[in-house]
Amino acid sequence: MYPYLEALQNTWLSALIRDTKWSYPAIEVVHLFGIVTMLGTMLAFDLRLMNVWLSRWPVSLVMNRLLPWTWTAFAVMIASGTALFISDPLRFYYNVSFRIKLVLIVLAGLNAIVFQVTAFRTMGRWDLSVDTPRGAKAAGFLSIVLWFGVVAAGRWIAFV
């Protein structure tokens, strides 16, 4: 893996992001806006799944209103995170916090997939109900834990 990361680090794009005074901080600000937007929308949806907030609203309504924002913010995070990685791939790749962050992102994705193939398939039966099934509540809770873990691990990247 080292030769590929070294080659990436020696590209003009990596040098531009790393060595230009404004580019890395600007990309980081975009990354943070993506994080804040995604976490805000996901937190609202997950709290609805857990019956903590917006419990009088149908889950499908909350989902349809928030998930487009969530996916857009996720795309912004992936694009800006990739640019940040390109700036210094060797440092990031060997950073334990960065690896933990990636593992947590994968786990959050798996949690979403499990929700999609289990509780989501029966949403027609419980969508209008104030109380959601245990599986939906568990998926919401796990989503919150995993994404806050992603943020914490991401923040620790600078200190490891």
N, C-alpha and C. Protein backbone atom coordinates (compact mmCIF):
# COMPACT_ATOMS: atom_id res chain seq x y z
N MET A 1 0.83 -1.20 0.00
CA MET A 1 0.00 0.00 0.00
C MET A 1 0.87 1.26 0.00
N TYR A 2 2.01 1.16 0.66
CA TYR A 2 2.88 2.33 0.80
C TYR A 2 3.24 2.99 -0.54
N PRO A 3 3.64 2.21 -1.57
CA PRO A 3 4.00 2.86 -2.85
C PRO A 3 2.85 3.67 -3.46
N TYR A 4 1.63 3.16 -3.32
CA TYR A 4 0.47 3.87 -3.89
C TYR A 4 0.20 5.17 -3.12
N LEU A 5 0.30 5.08 -1.82
CA LEU A 5 0.07 6.28 -1.00
C LEU A 5 1.17 7.31 -1.23
N GLU A 6 2.39 6.84 -1.38
CA GLU A 6 3.50 7.75 -1.65
C GLU A 6 3.32 8.43 -3.01
N ALA A 7 2.89 7.66 -4.00
CA ALA A 7 2.63 8.24 -5.33
C ALA A 7 1.51 9.27 -5.25
N LEU A 8 0.46 8.96 -4.50
CA LEU A 8 -0.63 9.91 -4.33
C LEU A 8 -0.14 11.17 -3.63
N GLN A 9 0.69 11.01 -2.63
CA GLN A 9 1.21 12.16 -1.88
C GLN A 9 2.11 13.04 -2.75
N ASN A 10 2.69 12.47 -3.79
CA ASN A 10 3.58 13.23 -4.66
C ASN A 10 2.87 13.85 -5.87
N THR A 11 1.54 13.79 -5.90
CA THR A 11 0.80 14.39 -7.00
C THR A 11 0.67 15.90 -6.80
N TRP A 12 0.36 16.58 -7.89
CA TRP A 12 0.17 18.03 -7.83
C TRP A 12 -1.04 18.39 -6.97
N LEU A 13 -2.07 17.55 -7.00
CA LEU A 13 -3.27 17.83 -6.21
C LEU A 13 -2.97 17.75 -4.72
N SER A 14 -2.23 16.74 -4.32
CA SER A 14 -1.84 16.61 -2.92
C SER A 14 -1.03 17.83 -2.48
N ALA A 15 -0.07 18.21 -3.29
CA ALA A 15 0.76 19.38 -2.96
C ALA A 15 -0.08 20.65 -2.90
N LEU A 16 -1.01 20.79 -3.83
CA LEU A 16 -1.86 21.99 -3.83
C LEU A 16 -2.67 22.09 -2.54
N ILE A 17 -3.28 20.99 -2.15
CA ILE A 17 -4.10 21.01 -0.93
C ILE A 17 -3.23 21.21 0.31
N ARG A 18 -2.11 20.52 0.35
CA ARG A 18 -1.24 20.54 1.52
C ARG A 18 -0.46 21.84 1.65
N ASP A 19 0.01 22.38 0.54
CA ASP A 19 0.96 23.50 0.59
C ASP A 19 0.35 24.87 0.37
N THR A 20 -0.87 24.93 -0.13
CA THR A 20 -1.52 26.23 -0.30
C THR A 20 -2.12 26.64 1.03
N LYS A 21 -1.88 27.87 1.39
CA LYS A 21 -2.27 28.36 2.73
C LYS A 21 -3.76 28.22 3.01
N TRP A 22 -4.61 28.43 2.04
CA TRP A 22 -6.05 28.48 2.28
C TRP A 22 -6.79 27.20 1.93
N SER A 23 -6.20 26.33 1.11
CA SER A 23 -6.98 25.20 0.60
C SER A 23 -7.36 24.18 1.67
N TYR A 24 -6.43 23.73 2.49
CA TYR A 24 -6.75 22.73 3.50
C TYR A 24 -7.80 23.26 4.48
N PRO A 25 -7.61 24.47 5.04
CA PRO A 25 -8.66 24.98 5.96
C PRO A 25 -10.02 25.16 5.28
N ALA A 26 -10.03 25.56 4.01
CA ALA A 26 -11.30 25.74 3.31
C ALA A 26 -12.00 24.39 3.13
N ILE A 27 -11.24 23.37 2.75
CA ILE A 27 -11.81 22.04 2.58
C ILE A 27 -12.30 21.51 3.93
N GLU A 28 -11.56 21.78 4.98
CA GLU A 28 -11.97 21.33 6.31
C GLU A 28 -13.28 21.99 6.75
N VAL A 29 -13.45 23.26 6.43
CA VAL A 29 -14.71 23.95 6.76
C VAL A 29 -15.87 23.30 6.01
N VAL A 30 -15.68 22.98 4.73
CA VAL A 30 -16.73 22.30 3.96
C VAL A 30 -17.04 20.95 4.59
N HIS A 31 -15.98 20.22 5.00
CA HIS A 31 -16.15 18.92 5.65
C HIS A 31 -16.97 19.07 6.94
N LEU A 32 -16.66 20.09 7.71
CA LEU A 32 -17.39 20.32 8.96
C LEU A 32 -18.85 20.69 8.72
N PHE A 33 -19.12 21.50 7.70
CA PHE A 33 -20.51 21.81 7.36
C PHE A 33 -21.26 20.54 6.96
N GLY A 34 -20.60 19.67 6.22
CA GLY A 34 -21.21 18.39 5.86
C GLY A 34 -21.52 17.56 7.09
N ILE A 35 -20.58 17.52 8.03
CA ILE A 35 -20.78 16.76 9.26
C ILE A 35 -21.96 17.31 10.06
N VAL A 36 -21.97 18.61 10.23
CA VAL A 36 -23.03 19.24 11.03
C VAL A 36 -24.40 18.99 10.39
N THR A 37 -24.48 19.15 9.08
CA THR A 37 -25.76 18.94 8.39
C THR A 37 -26.20 17.49 8.49
N MET A 38 -25.26 16.58 8.23
CA MET A 38 -25.62 15.17 8.29
C MET A 38 -26.01 14.75 9.70
N LEU A 39 -25.22 15.15 10.68
CA LEU A 39 -25.55 14.77 12.05
C LEU A 39 -26.87 15.36 12.50
N GLY A 40 -27.14 16.59 12.13
CA GLY A 40 -28.40 17.21 12.52
C GLY A 40 -29.60 16.48 11.95
N THR A 41 -29.54 16.16 10.67
CA THR A 41 -30.68 15.49 10.04
C THR A 41 -30.79 14.04 10.53
N MET A 42 -29.65 13.37 10.67
CA MET A 42 -29.70 11.98 11.15
C MET A 42 -30.15 11.91 12.59
N LEU A 43 -29.71 12.85 13.39
CA LEU A 43 -30.11 12.86 14.80
C LEU A 43 -31.62 13.02 14.92
N ALA A 44 -32.19 13.94 14.13
CA ALA A 44 -33.64 14.13 14.17
C ALA A 44 -34.37 12.85 13.76
N PHE A 45 -33.90 12.19 12.70
CA PHE A 45 -34.54 10.95 12.24
C PHE A 45 -34.36 9.84 13.27
N ASP A 46 -33.15 9.70 13.80
CA ASP A 46 -32.89 8.64 14.78
C ASP A 46 -33.69 8.86 16.06
N LEU A 47 -33.82 10.10 16.49
CA LEU A 47 -34.62 10.38 17.68
C LEU A 47 -36.10 10.07 17.42
N ARG A 48 -36.55 10.28 16.17
CA ARG A 48 -37.92 9.89 15.84
C ARG A 48 -38.07 8.38 15.89
N LEU A 49 -37.08 7.65 15.38
CA LEU A 49 -37.14 6.19 15.45
C LEU A 49 -37.19 5.72 16.90
N MET A 50 -36.54 6.46 17.79
CA MET A 50 -36.50 6.08 19.20
C MET A 50 -37.67 6.64 20.00
N ASN A 51 -38.60 7.35 19.34
CA ASN A 51 -39.76 7.97 19.99
C ASN A 51 -39.39 9.04 21.01
N VAL A 52 -38.26 9.68 20.81
CA VAL A 52 -37.82 10.72 21.73
C VAL A 52 -38.25 12.10 21.25
N TRP A 53 -38.36 12.27 19.93
CA TRP A 53 -38.65 13.59 19.37
C TRP A 53 -39.48 13.40 18.10
N LEU A 54 -40.33 14.32 17.82
CA LEU A 54 -41.19 14.31 16.62
C LEU A 54 -42.09 13.07 16.58
N SER A 55 -42.46 12.56 17.73
CA SER A 55 -43.21 11.30 17.77
C SER A 55 -44.63 11.42 17.22
N ARG A 56 -45.14 12.61 17.05
CA ARG A 56 -46.47 12.75 16.46
C ARG A 56 -46.42 12.77 14.94
N TRP A 57 -45.22 12.82 14.38
CA TRP A 57 -45.06 12.84 12.93
C TRP A 57 -44.83 11.42 12.43
N PRO A 58 -45.40 11.05 11.31
CA PRO A 58 -45.12 9.73 10.73
C PRO A 58 -43.62 9.60 10.40
N VAL A 59 -43.08 8.44 10.63
CA VAL A 59 -41.66 8.21 10.35
C VAL A 59 -41.36 8.47 8.88
N SER A 60 -42.27 8.06 8.01
CA SER A 60 -42.05 8.25 6.57
C SER A 60 -41.94 9.74 6.21
N LEU A 61 -42.72 10.58 6.85
CA LEU A 61 -42.65 12.01 6.59
C LEU A 61 -41.31 12.58 7.04
N VAL A 62 -40.90 12.23 8.24
CA VAL A 62 -39.60 12.70 8.75
C VAL A 62 -38.49 12.22 7.82
N MET A 63 -38.57 10.96 7.44
CA MET A 63 -37.55 10.37 6.58
C MET A 63 -37.51 11.08 5.22
N ASN A 64 -38.66 11.27 4.60
CA ASN A 64 -38.71 11.90 3.28
C ASN A 64 -38.24 13.35 3.29
N ARG A 65 -38.46 14.03 4.39
CA ARG A 65 -38.02 15.43 4.48
C ARG A 65 -36.52 15.55 4.78
N LEU A 66 -35.99 14.63 5.58
CA LEU A 66 -34.61 14.78 6.05
C LEU A 66 -33.57 14.01 5.24
N LEU A 67 -33.92 12.82 4.74
CA LEU A 67 -32.90 12.00 4.09
C LEU A 67 -32.27 12.61 2.84
N PRO A 68 -32.97 13.40 2.03
CA PRO A 68 -32.26 14.06 0.92
C PRO A 68 -31.13 14.96 1.42
N TRP A 69 -31.38 15.67 2.53
CA TRP A 69 -30.33 16.51 3.12
C TRP A 69 -29.20 15.66 3.68
N THR A 70 -29.57 14.55 4.29
CA THR A 70 -28.57 13.65 4.86
C THR A 70 -27.65 13.11 3.78
N TRP A 71 -28.23 12.62 2.69
CA TRP A 71 -27.42 12.05 1.61
C TRP A 71 -26.55 13.10 0.93
N THR A 72 -27.09 14.30 0.75
CA THR A 72 -26.30 15.39 0.17
C THR A 72 -25.13 15.73 1.07
N ALA A 73 -25.40 15.84 2.37
CA ALA A 73 -24.32 16.15 3.32
C ALA A 73 -23.29 15.02 3.36
N PHE A 74 -23.75 13.77 3.27
CA PHE A 74 -22.83 12.64 3.25
C PHE A 74 -21.92 12.71 2.02
N ALA A 75 -22.48 13.05 0.87
CA ALA A 75 -21.68 13.18 -0.35
C ALA A 75 -20.64 14.30 -0.20
N VAL A 76 -21.04 15.42 0.40
CA VAL A 76 -20.11 16.52 0.66
C VAL A 76 -18.99 16.05 1.59
N MET A 77 -19.37 15.29 2.63
CA MET A 77 -18.37 14.77 3.57
C MET A 77 -17.40 13.83 2.88
N ILE A 78 -17.89 12.94 2.04
CA ILE A 78 -17.02 12.00 1.34
C ILE A 78 -16.07 12.74 0.41
N ALA A 79 -16.59 13.68 -0.37
CA ALA A 79 -15.75 14.44 -1.31
C ALA A 79 -14.69 15.26 -0.57
N SER A 80 -15.11 15.98 0.46
CA SER A 80 -14.15 16.81 1.18
C SER A 80 -13.20 15.96 2.01
N GLY A 81 -13.69 14.86 2.58
CA GLY A 81 -12.82 13.96 3.33
C GLY A 81 -11.77 13.32 2.44
N THR A 82 -12.16 12.98 1.22
CA THR A 82 -11.20 12.43 0.26
C THR A 82 -10.12 13.47 -0.07
N ALA A 83 -10.53 14.71 -0.24
CA ALA A 83 -9.56 15.78 -0.51
C ALA A 83 -8.60 15.96 0.67
N LEU A 84 -9.14 15.91 1.88
CA LEU A 84 -8.27 16.01 3.06
C LEU A 84 -7.29 14.84 3.12
N PHE A 85 -7.77 13.64 2.81
CA PHE A 85 -6.91 12.46 2.79
C PHE A 85 -5.80 12.61 1.74
N ILE A 86 -6.15 13.11 0.56
CA ILE A 86 -5.19 13.28 -0.52
C ILE A 86 -4.06 14.23 -0.11
N SER A 87 -4.36 15.18 0.76
CA SER A 87 -3.35 16.15 1.16
C SER A 87 -2.14 15.51 1.84
N ASP A 88 -2.36 14.42 2.56
CA ASP A 88 -1.26 13.75 3.27
C ASP A 88 -1.63 12.29 3.52
N PRO A 89 -1.73 11.49 2.46
CA PRO A 89 -2.26 10.13 2.60
C PRO A 89 -1.42 9.23 3.51
N LEU A 90 -0.12 9.41 3.54
CA LEU A 90 0.71 8.56 4.40
C LEU A 90 0.42 8.82 5.87
N ARG A 91 0.28 10.07 6.23
CA ARG A 91 -0.02 10.41 7.62
C ARG A 91 -1.40 9.88 8.02
N PHE A 92 -2.38 10.06 7.16
CA PHE A 92 -3.73 9.61 7.49
C PHE A 92 -3.83 8.09 7.55
N TYR A 93 -3.27 7.43 6.57
CA TYR A 93 -3.40 5.99 6.48
C TYR A 93 -2.84 5.29 7.72
N TYR A 94 -1.75 5.78 8.24
CA TYR A 94 -1.13 5.14 9.40
C TYR A 94 -1.60 5.71 10.73
N ASN A 95 -2.60 6.59 10.70
CA ASN A 95 -3.16 7.19 11.91
C ASN A 95 -4.26 6.27 12.46
N VAL A 96 -4.11 5.82 13.69
CA VAL A 96 -5.07 4.89 14.29
C VAL A 96 -6.47 5.51 14.36
N SER A 97 -6.56 6.77 14.70
CA SER A 97 -7.86 7.42 14.79
C SER A 97 -8.56 7.47 13.44
N PHE A 98 -7.80 7.68 12.37
CA PHE A 98 -8.37 7.68 11.03
C PHE A 98 -8.93 6.30 10.70
N ARG A 99 -8.20 5.26 11.04
CA ARG A 99 -8.68 3.90 10.77
C ARG A 99 -9.93 3.58 11.58
N ILE A 100 -9.95 4.02 12.83
CA ILE A 100 -11.15 3.82 13.66
C ILE A 100 -12.33 4.55 13.04
N LYS A 101 -12.11 5.75 12.57
CA LYS A 101 -13.17 6.53 11.93
C LYS A 101 -13.74 5.78 10.72
N LEU A 102 -12.88 5.23 9.88
CA LEU A 102 -13.35 4.50 8.71
C LEU A 102 -14.13 3.25 9.10
N VAL A 103 -13.67 2.55 10.13
CA VAL A 103 -14.38 1.35 10.59
C VAL A 103 -15.77 1.74 11.11
N LEU A 104 -15.84 2.83 11.86
CA LEU A 104 -17.13 3.28 12.39
C LEU A 104 -18.08 3.70 11.28
N ILE A 105 -17.55 4.32 10.21
CA ILE A 105 -18.39 4.69 9.07
C ILE A 105 -18.96 3.44 8.40
N VAL A 106 -18.13 2.43 8.25
CA VAL A 106 -18.60 1.17 7.66
C VAL A 106 -19.67 0.54 8.55
N LEU A 107 -19.44 0.53 9.87
CA LEU A 107 -20.42 -0.03 10.79
C LEU A 107 -21.74 0.75 10.75
N ALA A 108 -21.66 2.08 10.63
CA ALA A 108 -22.88 2.89 10.51
C ALA A 108 -23.62 2.55 9.23
N GLY A 109 -22.88 2.32 8.16
CA GLY A 109 -23.51 1.91 6.91
C GLY A 109 -24.18 0.55 7.03
N LEU A 110 -23.52 -0.38 7.70
CA LEU A 110 -24.12 -1.71 7.93
C LEU A 110 -25.37 -1.60 8.79
N ASN A 111 -25.34 -0.72 9.78
CA ASN A 111 -26.51 -0.50 10.61
C ASN A 111 -27.68 -0.01 9.76
N ALA A 112 -27.40 0.91 8.84
CA ALA A 112 -28.45 1.43 7.96
C ALA A 112 -28.99 0.32 7.04
N ILE A 113 -28.10 -0.53 6.55
CA ILE A 113 -28.54 -1.64 5.69
C ILE A 113 -29.42 -2.61 6.48
N VAL A 114 -29.01 -2.93 7.68
CA VAL A 114 -29.82 -3.84 8.51
C VAL A 114 -31.19 -3.22 8.78
N PHE A 115 -31.23 -1.93 9.06
CA PHE A 115 -32.51 -1.25 9.26
C PHE A 115 -33.37 -1.36 7.99
N GLN A 116 -32.75 -1.15 6.83
CA GLN A 116 -33.49 -1.20 5.57
C GLN A 116 -34.10 -2.57 5.30
N VAL A 117 -33.38 -3.63 5.66
CA VAL A 117 -33.89 -4.97 5.34
C VAL A 117 -34.72 -5.57 6.47
N THR A 118 -34.82 -4.89 7.60
CA THR A 118 -35.63 -5.42 8.70
C THR A 118 -36.78 -4.46 8.99
N ALA A 119 -36.60 -3.55 9.89
CA ALA A 119 -37.68 -2.69 10.38
C ALA A 119 -38.30 -1.83 9.28
N PHE A 120 -37.49 -1.35 8.37
CA PHE A 120 -38.01 -0.47 7.31
C PHE A 120 -39.04 -1.19 6.44
N ARG A 121 -38.83 -2.46 6.20
CA ARG A 121 -39.76 -3.22 5.34
C ARG A 121 -41.17 -3.32 5.91
N THR A 122 -41.27 -3.20 7.22
CA THR A 122 -42.59 -3.27 7.85
C THR A 122 -43.10 -1.89 8.26
N MET A 123 -42.47 -0.85 7.79
CA MET A 123 -42.82 0.50 8.22
C MET A 123 -44.28 0.84 7.92
N GLY A 124 -44.86 0.27 6.90
CA GLY A 124 -46.26 0.53 6.59
C GLY A 124 -47.19 0.20 7.74
N ARG A 125 -46.80 -0.74 8.58
CA ARG A 125 -47.63 -1.14 9.72
C ARG A 125 -47.46 -0.23 10.92
N TRP A 126 -46.28 0.36 11.08
CA TRP A 126 -46.03 1.16 12.29
C TRP A 126 -45.71 2.62 12.01
N ASP A 127 -45.77 3.03 10.76
CA ASP A 127 -45.41 4.39 10.37
C ASP A 127 -46.19 5.46 11.12
N LEU A 128 -47.48 5.30 11.25
CA LEU A 128 -48.31 6.31 11.91
C LEU A 128 -48.39 6.13 13.42
N SER A 129 -47.83 5.06 13.91
CA SER A 129 -47.87 4.78 15.33
C SER A 129 -46.85 5.66 16.06
N VAL A 130 -47.22 6.06 17.26
CA VAL A 130 -46.29 6.83 18.07
C VAL A 130 -45.13 5.94 18.50
N ASP A 131 -45.42 4.69 18.77
CA ASP A 131 -44.40 3.75 19.21
C ASP A 131 -43.83 2.99 18.02
N THR A 132 -42.53 2.96 17.92
CA THR A 132 -41.86 2.23 16.84
C THR A 132 -41.37 0.88 17.37
N PRO A 133 -41.12 -0.08 16.48
CA PRO A 133 -40.63 -1.38 16.93
C PRO A 133 -39.24 -1.30 17.57
N ARG A 134 -38.93 -2.29 18.36
CA ARG A 134 -37.62 -2.32 19.03
C ARG A 134 -36.46 -2.26 18.04
N GLY A 135 -36.60 -2.93 16.91
CA GLY A 135 -35.54 -2.91 15.90
C GLY A 135 -35.26 -1.52 15.37
N ALA A 136 -36.31 -0.74 15.17
CA ALA A 136 -36.15 0.64 14.70
C ALA A 136 -35.49 1.49 15.78
N LYS A 137 -35.93 1.30 17.01
CA LYS A 137 -35.32 2.03 18.12
C LYS A 137 -33.84 1.69 18.26
N ALA A 138 -33.53 0.40 18.16
CA ALA A 138 -32.13 -0.03 18.27
C ALA A 138 -31.29 0.55 17.14
N ALA A 139 -31.84 0.55 15.92
CA ALA A 139 -31.11 1.11 14.78
C ALA A 139 -30.87 2.60 14.97
N GLY A 140 -31.85 3.32 15.48
CA GLY A 140 -31.69 4.75 15.74
C GLY A 140 -30.63 5.01 16.80
N PHE A 141 -30.68 4.25 17.88
CA PHE A 141 -29.71 4.43 18.96
C PHE A 141 -28.30 4.09 18.48
N LEU A 142 -28.16 2.99 17.79
CA LEU A 142 -26.85 2.58 17.29
C LEU A 142 -26.30 3.59 16.28
N SER A 143 -27.16 4.14 15.46
CA SER A 143 -26.76 5.16 14.51
C SER A 143 -26.17 6.38 15.22
N ILE A 144 -26.85 6.82 16.26
CA ILE A 144 -26.36 7.98 17.02
C ILE A 144 -24.99 7.67 17.63
N VAL A 145 -24.86 6.52 18.25
CA VAL A 145 -23.59 6.14 18.88
C VAL A 145 -22.47 6.07 17.85
N LEU A 146 -22.74 5.41 16.73
CA LEU A 146 -21.70 5.24 15.71
C LEU A 146 -21.29 6.57 15.09
N TRP A 147 -22.24 7.42 14.75
CA TRP A 147 -21.88 8.68 14.10
C TRP A 147 -21.19 9.65 15.05
N PHE A 148 -21.57 9.63 16.32
CA PHE A 148 -20.82 10.46 17.26
C PHE A 148 -19.42 9.89 17.47
N GLY A 149 -19.29 8.57 17.37
CA GLY A 149 -17.96 7.95 17.39
C GLY A 149 -17.13 8.37 16.20
N VAL A 150 -17.75 8.46 15.03
CA VAL A 150 -17.06 8.93 13.83
C VAL A 150 -16.52 10.34 14.05
N VAL A 151 -17.35 11.20 14.61
CA VAL A 151 -16.93 12.58 14.86
C VAL A 151 -15.78 12.62 15.88
N ALA A 152 -15.90 11.84 16.94
CA ALA A 152 -14.85 11.83 17.95
C ALA A 152 -13.54 11.30 17.37
N ALA A 153 -13.61 10.22 16.64
CA ALA A 153 -12.39 9.67 16.02
C ALA A 153 -11.81 10.65 15.02
N GLY A 154 -12.66 11.32 14.26
CA GLY A 154 -12.19 12.32 13.31
C GLY A 154 -11.49 13.48 13.98
N ARG A 155 -12.02 13.86 15.11
CA ARG A 155 -11.39 14.97 15.85
C ARG A 155 -10.04 14.54 16.40
N TRP A 156 -9.92 13.28 16.81
CA TRP A 156 -8.67 12.77 17.39
C TRP A 156 -7.57 12.59 16.36
N ILE A 157 -7.93 12.58 15.08
CA ILE A 157 -6.91 12.42 14.04
C ILE A 157 -5.79 13.46 14.19
N ALA A 158 -6.16 14.65 14.52
CA ALA A 158 -5.16 15.73 14.65
C ALA A 158 -4.22 15.54 15.84
N PHE A 159 -4.63 14.74 16.81
CA PHE A 159 -3.85 14.62 18.04
C PHE A 159 -3.06 13.32 18.13
N VAL A 160 -3.23 12.43 17.16
CA VAL A 160 -2.54 11.12 17.21
C VAL A 160 -1.39 11.14 16.22
